[in-house]
Amino acid sequence: LSGSVAGGVLAQLVDLGAPMLARAGILVA
């Protein structure tokens, strides 16, 4: 719920690539 909404909003506010970068960062963590 939190990730998909945040991903959709992030894509709307930045671009469709931004959620990919967020995903990579969380996986490193």
mmCIF file of all heavy atoms, coordinates in Angstrom:
data_MODEL
# 
_entry.id   MODEL 
# 
loop_
_atom_site.group_PDB 
_atom_site.id 
_atom_site.type_symbol 
_atom_site.label_atom_id 
_atom_site.label_alt_id 
_atom_site.label_comp_id 
_atom_site.label_asym_id 
_atom_site.label_entity_id 
_atom_site.label_seq_id 
_atom_site.pdbx_PDB_ins_code 
_atom_site.Cartn_x 
_atom_site.Cartn_y 
_atom_site.Cartn_z 
_atom_site.occupancy 
_atom_site.B_iso_or_equiv 
_atom_site.pdbx_formal_charge 
_atom_site.auth_seq_id 
_atom_site.auth_comp_id 
_atom_site.auth_asym_id 
_atom_site.auth_atom_id 
_atom_site.pdbx_PDB_model_num 
ATOM 1   N N   . LEU A 1 1  ? 0.831  -1.205 0.000   1.00 0.00 ? 1  LEU A N   1 
ATOM 2   C CA  . LEU A 1 1  ? 0.000  0.000  0.000   1.00 0.00 ? 1  LEU A CA  1 
ATOM 3   C C   . LEU A 1 1  ? 0.862  1.250  0.000   1.00 0.00 ? 1  LEU A C   1 
ATOM 4   O O   . LEU A 1 1  ? 0.698  2.146  -0.838  1.00 0.00 ? 1  LEU A O   1 
ATOM 5   C CB  . LEU A 1 1  ? -0.929 -0.016 1.206   1.00 0.00 ? 1  LEU A CB  1 
ATOM 6   C CG  . LEU A 1 1  ? -1.897 1.160  1.350   1.00 0.00 ? 1  LEU A CG  1 
ATOM 7   C CD1 . LEU A 1 1  ? -2.835 1.216  0.159   1.00 0.00 ? 1  LEU A CD1 1 
ATOM 8   C CD2 . LEU A 1 1  ? -2.680 1.055  2.643   1.00 0.00 ? 1  LEU A CD2 1 
ATOM 9   N N   . SER A 1 2  ? 1.817  1.316  0.941   1.00 0.00 ? 2  SER A N   1 
ATOM 10  C CA  . SER A 1 2  ? 2.654  2.509  1.035   1.00 0.00 ? 2  SER A CA  1 
ATOM 11  C C   . SER A 1 2  ? 3.594  2.619  -0.159  1.00 0.00 ? 2  SER A C   1 
ATOM 12  O O   . SER A 1 2  ? 3.762  3.699  -0.745  1.00 0.00 ? 2  SER A O   1 
ATOM 13  C CB  . SER A 1 2  ? 3.443  2.495  2.347   1.00 0.00 ? 2  SER A CB  1 
ATOM 14  O OG  . SER A 1 2  ? 4.164  1.289  2.482   1.00 0.00 ? 2  SER A OG  1 
ATOM 15  N N   . GLY A 1 3  ? 4.203  1.487  -0.555  1.00 0.00 ? 3  GLY A N   1 
ATOM 16  C CA  . GLY A 1 3  ? 5.167  1.525  -1.648  1.00 0.00 ? 3  GLY A CA  1 
ATOM 17  C C   . GLY A 1 3  ? 4.544  1.827  -2.998  1.00 0.00 ? 3  GLY A C   1 
ATOM 18  O O   . GLY A 1 3  ? 5.082  2.616  -3.776  1.00 0.00 ? 3  GLY A O   1 
ATOM 19  N N   . SER A 1 4  ? 3.394  1.206  -3.286  1.00 0.00 ? 4  SER A N   1 
ATOM 20  C CA  . SER A 1 4  ? 2.775  1.415  -4.593  1.00 0.00 ? 4  SER A CA  1 
ATOM 21  C C   . SER A 1 4  ? 2.221  2.826  -4.749  1.00 0.00 ? 4  SER A C   1 
ATOM 22  O O   . SER A 1 4  ? 2.335  3.433  -5.822  1.00 0.00 ? 4  SER A O   1 
ATOM 23  C CB  . SER A 1 4  ? 1.676  0.374  -4.837  1.00 0.00 ? 4  SER A CB  1 
ATOM 24  O OG  . SER A 1 4  ? 0.707  0.424  -3.817  1.00 0.00 ? 4  SER A OG  1 
ATOM 25  N N   . VAL A 1 5  ? 1.617  3.352  -3.673  1.00 0.00 ? 5  VAL A N   1 
ATOM 26  C CA  . VAL A 1 5  ? 1.127  4.732  -3.729  1.00 0.00 ? 5  VAL A CA  1 
ATOM 27  C C   . VAL A 1 5  ? 2.301  5.692  -3.864  1.00 0.00 ? 5  VAL A C   1 
ATOM 28  O O   . VAL A 1 5  ? 2.297  6.604  -4.700  1.00 0.00 ? 5  VAL A O   1 
ATOM 29  C CB  . VAL A 1 5  ? 0.286  5.062  -2.490  1.00 0.00 ? 5  VAL A CB  1 
ATOM 30  C CG1 . VAL A 1 5  ? -0.030 6.556  -2.433  1.00 0.00 ? 5  VAL A CG1 1 
ATOM 31  C CG2 . VAL A 1 5  ? -1.010 4.263  -2.498  1.00 0.00 ? 5  VAL A CG2 1 
ATOM 32  N N   . ALA A 1 6  ? 3.357  5.462  -3.050  1.00 0.00 ? 6  ALA A N   1 
ATOM 33  C CA  . ALA A 1 6  ? 4.533  6.333  -3.119  1.00 0.00 ? 6  ALA A CA  1 
ATOM 34  C C   . ALA A 1 6  ? 5.190  6.255  -4.495  1.00 0.00 ? 6  ALA A C   1 
ATOM 35  O O   . ALA A 1 6  ? 5.623  7.270  -5.047  1.00 0.00 ? 6  ALA A O   1 
ATOM 36  C CB  . ALA A 1 6  ? 5.530  5.948  -2.028  1.00 0.00 ? 6  ALA A CB  1 
ATOM 37  N N   . GLY A 1 7  ? 5.231  5.039  -5.067  1.00 0.00 ? 7  GLY A N   1 
ATOM 38  C CA  . GLY A 1 7  ? 5.818  4.883  -6.395  1.00 0.00 ? 7  GLY A CA  1 
ATOM 39  C C   . GLY A 1 7  ? 5.035  5.619  -7.456  1.00 0.00 ? 7  GLY A C   1 
ATOM 40  O O   . GLY A 1 7  ? 5.613  6.267  -8.342  1.00 0.00 ? 7  GLY A O   1 
ATOM 41  N N   . GLY A 1 8  ? 3.693  5.515  -7.396  1.00 0.00 ? 8  GLY A N   1 
ATOM 42  C CA  . GLY A 1 8  ? 2.854  6.221  -8.354  1.00 0.00 ? 8  GLY A CA  1 
ATOM 43  C C   . GLY A 1 8  ? 2.988  7.727  -8.234  1.00 0.00 ? 8  GLY A C   1 
ATOM 44  O O   . GLY A 1 8  ? 3.103  8.440  -9.237  1.00 0.00 ? 8  GLY A O   1 
ATOM 45  N N   . VAL A 1 9  ? 3.003  8.230  -6.983  1.00 0.00 ? 9  VAL A N   1 
ATOM 46  C CA  . VAL A 1 9  ? 3.143  9.677  -6.764  1.00 0.00 ? 9  VAL A CA  1 
ATOM 47  C C   . VAL A 1 9  ? 4.527  10.143 -7.197  1.00 0.00 ? 9  VAL A C   1 
ATOM 48  O O   . VAL A 1 9  ? 4.680  11.204 -7.810  1.00 0.00 ? 9  VAL A O   1 
ATOM 49  C CB  . VAL A 1 9  ? 2.875  10.017 -5.283  1.00 0.00 ? 9  VAL A CB  1 
ATOM 50  C CG1 . VAL A 1 9  ? 3.217  11.463 -4.993  1.00 0.00 ? 9  VAL A CG1 1 
ATOM 51  C CG2 . VAL A 1 9  ? 1.410  9.741  -4.931  1.00 0.00 ? 9  VAL A CG2 1 
ATOM 52  N N   . LEU A 1 10 ? 5.547  9.334  -6.861  1.00 0.00 ? 10 LEU A N   1 
ATOM 53  C CA  . LEU A 1 10 ? 6.918  9.687  -7.249  1.00 0.00 ? 10 LEU A CA  1 
ATOM 54  C C   . LEU A 1 10 ? 7.049  9.765  -8.769  1.00 0.00 ? 10 LEU A C   1 
ATOM 55  O O   . LEU A 1 10 ? 7.680  10.680 -9.311  1.00 0.00 ? 10 LEU A O   1 
ATOM 56  C CB  . LEU A 1 10 ? 7.881  8.643  -6.683  1.00 0.00 ? 10 LEU A CB  1 
ATOM 57  C CG  . LEU A 1 10 ? 9.382  8.953  -6.722  1.00 0.00 ? 10 LEU A CG  1 
ATOM 58  C CD1 . LEU A 1 10 ? 9.685  10.229 -5.943  1.00 0.00 ? 10 LEU A CD1 1 
ATOM 59  C CD2 . LEU A 1 10 ? 10.172 7.783  -6.148  1.00 0.00 ? 10 LEU A CD2 1 
ATOM 60  N N   . ALA A 1 11 ? 6.423  8.823  -9.470  1.00 0.00 ? 11 ALA A N   1 
ATOM 61  C CA  . ALA A 1 11 ? 6.447  8.858  -10.937 1.00 0.00 ? 11 ALA A CA  1 
ATOM 62  C C   . ALA A 1 11 ? 5.729  10.098 -11.462 1.00 0.00 ? 11 ALA A C   1 
ATOM 63  O O   . ALA A 1 11 ? 6.155  10.709 -12.447 1.00 0.00 ? 11 ALA A O   1 
ATOM 64  C CB  . ALA A 1 11 ? 5.793  7.598  -11.496 1.00 0.00 ? 11 ALA A CB  1 
ATOM 65  N N   . GLN A 1 12 ? 4.630  10.492 -10.808 1.00 0.00 ? 12 GLN A N   1 
ATOM 66  C CA  . GLN A 1 12 ? 3.859  11.660 -11.230 1.00 0.00 ? 12 GLN A CA  1 
ATOM 67  C C   . GLN A 1 12 ? 4.655  12.944 -11.016 1.00 0.00 ? 12 GLN A C   1 
ATOM 68  O O   . GLN A 1 12 ? 4.677  13.839 -11.865 1.00 0.00 ? 12 GLN A O   1 
ATOM 69  C CB  . GLN A 1 12 ? 2.555  11.721 -10.433 1.00 0.00 ? 12 GLN A CB  1 
ATOM 70  C CG  . GLN A 1 12 ? 1.559  12.768 -10.922 1.00 0.00 ? 12 GLN A CG  1 
ATOM 71  C CD  . GLN A 1 12 ? 0.649  12.234 -12.012 1.00 0.00 ? 12 GLN A CD  1 
ATOM 72  O OE1 . GLN A 1 12 ? 0.052  11.185 -11.868 1.00 0.00 ? 12 GLN A OE1 1 
ATOM 73  N NE2 . GLN A 1 12 ? 0.557  12.958 -13.111 1.00 0.00 ? 12 GLN A NE2 1 
ATOM 74  N N   . LEU A 1 13 ? 5.348  13.026 -9.858  1.00 0.00 ? 13 LEU A N   1 
ATOM 75  C CA  . LEU A 1 13 ? 6.059  14.245 -9.495  1.00 0.00 ? 13 LEU A CA  1 
ATOM 76  C C   . LEU A 1 13 ? 7.424  14.361 -10.161 1.00 0.00 ? 13 LEU A C   1 
ATOM 77  O O   . LEU A 1 13 ? 7.874  15.477 -10.465 1.00 0.00 ? 13 LEU A O   1 
ATOM 78  C CB  . LEU A 1 13 ? 6.230  14.321 -7.973  1.00 0.00 ? 13 LEU A CB  1 
ATOM 79  C CG  . LEU A 1 13 ? 4.950  14.438 -7.145  1.00 0.00 ? 13 LEU A CG  1 
ATOM 80  C CD1 . LEU A 1 13 ? 5.278  14.448 -5.661  1.00 0.00 ? 13 LEU A CD1 1 
ATOM 81  C CD2 . LEU A 1 13 ? 4.181  15.710 -7.534  1.00 0.00 ? 13 LEU A CD2 1 
ATOM 82  N N   . VAL A 1 14 ? 8.100  13.234 -10.368 1.00 0.00 ? 14 VAL A N   1 
ATOM 83  C CA  . VAL A 1 14 ? 9.454  13.267 -10.931 1.00 0.00 ? 14 VAL A CA  1 
ATOM 84  C C   . VAL A 1 14 ? 9.421  12.692 -12.348 1.00 0.00 ? 14 VAL A C   1 
ATOM 85  O O   . VAL A 1 14 ? 9.333  13.421 -13.324 1.00 0.00 ? 14 VAL A O   1 
ATOM 86  C CB  . VAL A 1 14 ? 10.451 12.497 -10.031 1.00 0.00 ? 14 VAL A CB  1 
ATOM 87  C CG1 . VAL A 1 14 ? 11.873 12.638 -10.577 1.00 0.00 ? 14 VAL A CG1 1 
ATOM 88  C CG2 . VAL A 1 14 ? 10.395 13.030 -8.598  1.00 0.00 ? 14 VAL A CG2 1 
ATOM 89  N N   . ASP A 1 15 ? 9.515  11.366 -12.463 1.00 0.00 ? 15 ASP A N   1 
ATOM 90  C CA  . ASP A 1 15 ? 9.387  10.684 -13.743 1.00 0.00 ? 15 ASP A CA  1 
ATOM 91  C C   . ASP A 1 15 ? 9.232  9.195  -13.466 1.00 0.00 ? 15 ASP A C   1 
ATOM 92  O O   . ASP A 1 15 ? 9.313  8.748  -12.316 1.00 0.00 ? 15 ASP A O   1 
ATOM 93  C CB  . ASP A 1 15 ? 10.579 10.960 -14.677 1.00 0.00 ? 15 ASP A CB  1 
ATOM 94  C CG  . ASP A 1 15 ? 11.927 10.602 -14.054 1.00 0.00 ? 15 ASP A CG  1 
ATOM 95  O OD1 . ASP A 1 15 ? 12.016 9.568  -13.350 1.00 0.00 ? 15 ASP A OD1 1 
ATOM 96  O OD2 . ASP A 1 15 ? 12.896 11.359 -14.252 1.00 0.00 ? 15 ASP A OD2 1 
ATOM 97  N N   . LEU A 1 16 ? 9.027  8.406  -14.505 1.00 0.00 ? 16 LEU A N   1 
ATOM 98  C CA  . LEU A 1 16 ? 8.774  6.978  -14.341 1.00 0.00 ? 16 LEU A CA  1 
ATOM 99  C C   . LEU A 1 16 ? 10.021 6.196  -13.911 1.00 0.00 ? 16 LEU A C   1 
ATOM 100 O O   . LEU A 1 16 ? 9.914  5.039  -13.498 1.00 0.00 ? 16 LEU A O   1 
ATOM 101 C CB  . LEU A 1 16 ? 8.228  6.391  -15.651 1.00 0.00 ? 16 LEU A CB  1 
ATOM 102 C CG  . LEU A 1 16 ? 6.758  6.694  -15.949 1.00 0.00 ? 16 LEU A CG  1 
ATOM 103 C CD1 . LEU A 1 16 ? 6.431  6.377  -17.403 1.00 0.00 ? 16 LEU A CD1 1 
ATOM 104 C CD2 . LEU A 1 16 ? 5.841  5.908  -15.015 1.00 0.00 ? 16 LEU A CD2 1 
ATOM 105 N N   . GLY A 1 17 ? 11.187 6.819  -13.994 1.00 0.00 ? 17 GLY A N   1 
ATOM 106 C CA  . GLY A 1 17 ? 12.402 6.142  -13.554 1.00 0.00 ? 17 GLY A CA  1 
ATOM 107 C C   . GLY A 1 17 ? 12.673 6.280  -12.069 1.00 0.00 ? 17 GLY A C   1 
ATOM 108 O O   . GLY A 1 17 ? 13.403 5.458  -11.488 1.00 0.00 ? 17 GLY A O   1 
ATOM 109 N N   . ALA A 1 18 ? 12.097 7.306  -11.420 1.00 0.00 ? 18 ALA A N   1 
ATOM 110 C CA  . ALA A 1 18 ? 12.390 7.562  -10.006 1.00 0.00 ? 18 ALA A CA  1 
ATOM 111 C C   . ALA A 1 18 ? 12.029 6.379  -9.097  1.00 0.00 ? 18 ALA A C   1 
ATOM 112 O O   . ALA A 1 18 ? 12.790 6.048  -8.181  1.00 0.00 ? 18 ALA A O   1 
ATOM 113 C CB  . ALA A 1 18 ? 11.675 8.834  -9.557  1.00 0.00 ? 18 ALA A CB  1 
ATOM 114 N N   . PRO A 1 19 ? 10.860 5.697  -9.296  1.00 0.00 ? 19 PRO A N   1 
ATOM 115 C CA  . PRO A 1 19 ? 10.558 4.554  -8.424  1.00 0.00 ? 19 PRO A CA  1 
ATOM 116 C C   . PRO A 1 19 ? 11.591 3.428  -8.540  1.00 0.00 ? 19 PRO A C   1 
ATOM 117 O O   . PRO A 1 19 ? 11.823 2.700  -7.575  1.00 0.00 ? 19 PRO A O   1 
ATOM 118 C CB  . PRO A 1 19 ? 9.180  4.093  -8.922  1.00 0.00 ? 19 PRO A CB  1 
ATOM 119 C CG  . PRO A 1 19 ? 8.566  5.309  -9.527  1.00 0.00 ? 19 PRO A CG  1 
ATOM 120 C CD  . PRO A 1 19 ? 9.710  6.030  -10.155 1.00 0.00 ? 19 PRO A CD  1 
ATOM 121 N N   . MET A 1 20 ? 12.224 3.272  -9.710  1.00 0.00 ? 20 MET A N   1 
ATOM 122 C CA  . MET A 1 20 ? 13.257 2.246  -9.868  1.00 0.00 ? 20 MET A CA  1 
ATOM 123 C C   . MET A 1 20 ? 14.451 2.549  -8.976  1.00 0.00 ? 20 MET A C   1 
ATOM 124 O O   . MET A 1 20 ? 15.018 1.655  -8.320  1.00 0.00 ? 20 MET A O   1 
ATOM 125 C CB  . MET A 1 20 ? 13.699 2.169  -11.333 1.00 0.00 ? 20 MET A CB  1 
ATOM 126 C CG  . MET A 1 20 ? 12.683 1.566  -12.269 1.00 0.00 ? 20 MET A CG  1 
ATOM 127 S SD  . MET A 1 20 ? 12.534 -0.223 -12.028 1.00 0.00 ? 20 MET A SD  1 
ATOM 128 C CE  . MET A 1 20 ? 11.166 -0.587 -13.135 1.00 0.00 ? 20 MET A CE  1 
ATOM 129 N N   . LEU A 1 21 ? 14.859 3.808  -8.930  1.00 0.00 ? 21 LEU A N   1 
ATOM 130 C CA  . LEU A 1 21 ? 15.989 4.194  -8.087  1.00 0.00 ? 21 LEU A CA  1 
ATOM 131 C C   . LEU A 1 21 ? 15.656 4.016  -6.612  1.00 0.00 ? 21 LEU A C   1 
ATOM 132 O O   . LEU A 1 21 ? 16.508 3.582  -5.817  1.00 0.00 ? 21 LEU A O   1 
ATOM 133 C CB  . LEU A 1 21 ? 16.382 5.642  -8.374  1.00 0.00 ? 21 LEU A CB  1 
ATOM 134 C CG  . LEU A 1 21 ? 16.959 5.916  -9.770  1.00 0.00 ? 21 LEU A CG  1 
ATOM 135 C CD1 . LEU A 1 21 ? 17.260 7.400  -9.936  1.00 0.00 ? 21 LEU A CD1 1 
ATOM 136 C CD2 . LEU A 1 21 ? 18.201 5.086  -10.018 1.00 0.00 ? 21 LEU A CD2 1 
ATOM 137 N N   . ALA A 1 22 ? 14.405 4.322  -6.233  1.00 0.00 ? 22 ALA A N   1 
ATOM 138 C CA  . ALA A 1 22 ? 13.995 4.123  -4.843  1.00 0.00 ? 22 ALA A CA  1 
ATOM 139 C C   . ALA A 1 22 ? 14.050 2.644  -4.473  1.00 0.00 ? 22 ALA A C   1 
ATOM 140 O O   . ALA A 1 22 ? 14.493 2.273  -3.375  1.00 0.00 ? 22 ALA A O   1 
ATOM 141 C CB  . ALA A 1 22 ? 12.576 4.668  -4.638  1.00 0.00 ? 22 ALA A CB  1 
ATOM 142 N N   . ARG A 1 23 ? 13.622 1.790  -5.395  1.00 0.00 ? 23 ARG A N   1 
ATOM 143 C CA  . ARG A 1 23 ? 13.659 0.350  -5.140  1.00 0.00 ? 23 ARG A CA  1 
ATOM 144 C C   . ARG A 1 23 ? 15.092 -0.142 -4.930  1.00 0.00 ? 23 ARG A C   1 
ATOM 145 O O   . ARG A 1 23 ? 15.368 -0.911 -4.000  1.00 0.00 ? 23 ARG A O   1 
ATOM 146 C CB  . ARG A 1 23 ? 13.027 -0.395 -6.314  1.00 0.00 ? 23 ARG A CB  1 
ATOM 147 C CG  . ARG A 1 23 ? 12.999 -1.902 -6.121  1.00 0.00 ? 23 ARG A CG  1 
ATOM 148 C CD  . ARG A 1 23 ? 12.642 -2.613 -7.401  1.00 0.00 ? 23 ARG A CD  1 
ATOM 149 N NE  . ARG A 1 23 ? 12.408 -4.032 -7.155  1.00 0.00 ? 23 ARG A NE  1 
ATOM 150 C CZ  . ARG A 1 23 ? 12.292 -4.947 -8.103  1.00 0.00 ? 23 ARG A CZ  1 
ATOM 151 N NH1 . ARG A 1 23 ? 12.408 -4.592 -9.368  1.00 0.00 ? 23 ARG A NH1 1 
ATOM 152 N NH2 . ARG A 1 23 ? 12.080 -6.195 -7.808  1.00 0.00 ? 23 ARG A NH2 1 
ATOM 153 N N   . ALA A 1 24 ? 16.008 0.282  -5.777  1.00 0.00 ? 24 ALA A N   1 
ATOM 154 C CA  . ALA A 1 24 ? 17.397 -0.143 -5.649  1.00 0.00 ? 24 ALA A CA  1 
ATOM 155 C C   . ALA A 1 24 ? 17.981 0.283  -4.303  1.00 0.00 ? 24 ALA A C   1 
ATOM 156 O O   . ALA A 1 24 ? 18.700 -0.484 -3.653  1.00 0.00 ? 24 ALA A O   1 
ATOM 157 C CB  . ALA A 1 24 ? 18.224 0.428  -6.806  1.00 0.00 ? 24 ALA A CB  1 
ATOM 158 N N   . GLY A 1 25 ? 17.656 1.493  -3.862  1.00 0.00 ? 25 GLY A N   1 
ATOM 159 C CA  . GLY A 1 25 ? 18.161 1.981  -2.581  1.00 0.00 ? 25 GLY A CA  1 
ATOM 160 C C   . GLY A 1 25 ? 17.658 1.158  -1.407  1.00 0.00 ? 25 GLY A C   1 
ATOM 161 O O   . GLY A 1 25 ? 18.422 0.853  -0.477  1.00 0.00 ? 25 GLY A O   1 
ATOM 162 N N   . ILE A 1 26 ? 16.380 0.790  -1.418  1.00 0.00 ? 26 ILE A N   1 
ATOM 163 C CA  . ILE A 1 26 ? 15.823 -0.011 -0.324  1.00 0.00 ? 26 ILE A CA  1 
ATOM 164 C C   . ILE A 1 26 ? 16.462 -1.393 -0.292  1.00 0.00 ? 26 ILE A C   1 
ATOM 165 O O   . ILE A 1 26 ? 16.750 -1.940 0.784   1.00 0.00 ? 26 ILE A O   1 
ATOM 166 C CB  . ILE A 1 26 ? 14.292 -0.122 -0.468  1.00 0.00 ? 26 ILE A CB  1 
ATOM 167 C CG1 . ILE A 1 26 ? 13.644 1.255  -0.295  1.00 0.00 ? 26 ILE A CG1 1 
ATOM 168 C CG2 . ILE A 1 26 ? 13.715 -1.097 0.556   1.00 0.00 ? 26 ILE A CG2 1 
ATOM 169 C CD1 . ILE A 1 26 ? 12.169 1.286  -0.642  1.00 0.00 ? 26 ILE A CD1 1 
ATOM 170 N N   . LEU A 1 27 ? 16.711 -1.973 -1.462  1.00 0.00 ? 27 LEU A N   1 
ATOM 171 C CA  . LEU A 1 27 ? 17.336 -3.297 -1.518  1.00 0.00 ? 27 LEU A CA  1 
ATOM 172 C C   . LEU A 1 27 ? 18.750 -3.272 -0.948  1.00 0.00 ? 27 LEU A C   1 
ATOM 173 O O   . LEU A 1 27 ? 19.170 -4.211 -0.258  1.00 0.00 ? 27 LEU A O   1 
ATOM 174 C CB  . LEU A 1 27 ? 17.351 -3.809 -2.956  1.00 0.00 ? 27 LEU A CB  1 
ATOM 175 C CG  . LEU A 1 27 ? 15.995 -4.279 -3.489  1.00 0.00 ? 27 LEU A CG  1 
ATOM 176 C CD1 . LEU A 1 27 ? 16.046 -4.449 -5.008  1.00 0.00 ? 27 LEU A CD1 1 
ATOM 177 C CD2 . LEU A 1 27 ? 15.567 -5.584 -2.827  1.00 0.00 ? 27 LEU A CD2 1 
ATOM 178 N N   . VAL A 1 28 ? 19.496 -2.214 -1.211  1.00 0.00 ? 28 VAL A N   1 
ATOM 179 C CA  . VAL A 1 28 ? 20.833 -2.081 -0.617  1.00 0.00 ? 28 VAL A CA  1 
ATOM 180 C C   . VAL A 1 28 ? 20.713 -2.029 0.911   1.00 0.00 ? 28 VAL A C   1 
ATOM 181 O O   . VAL A 1 28 ? 21.490 -2.667 1.638   1.00 0.00 ? 28 VAL A O   1 
ATOM 182 C CB  . VAL A 1 28 ? 21.540 -0.827 -1.154  1.00 0.00 ? 28 VAL A CB  1 
ATOM 183 C CG1 . VAL A 1 28 ? 22.821 -0.548 -0.366  1.00 0.00 ? 28 VAL A CG1 1 
ATOM 184 C CG2 . VAL A 1 28 ? 21.872 -0.989 -2.640  1.00 0.00 ? 28 VAL A CG2 1 
ATOM 185 N N   . ALA A 1 29 ? 19.730 -1.285 1.409   1.00 0.00 ? 29 ALA A N   1 
ATOM 186 C CA  . ALA A 1 29 ? 19.520 -1.214 2.859   1.00 0.00 ? 29 ALA A CA  1 
ATOM 187 C C   . ALA A 1 29 ? 19.176 -2.582 3.441   1.00 0.00 ? 29 ALA A C   1 
ATOM 188 O O   . ALA A 1 29 ? 19.623 -2.939 4.542   1.00 0.00 ? 29 ALA A O   1 
ATOM 189 C CB  . ALA A 1 29 ? 18.406 -0.206 3.180   1.00 0.00 ? 29 ALA A CB  1 
# 
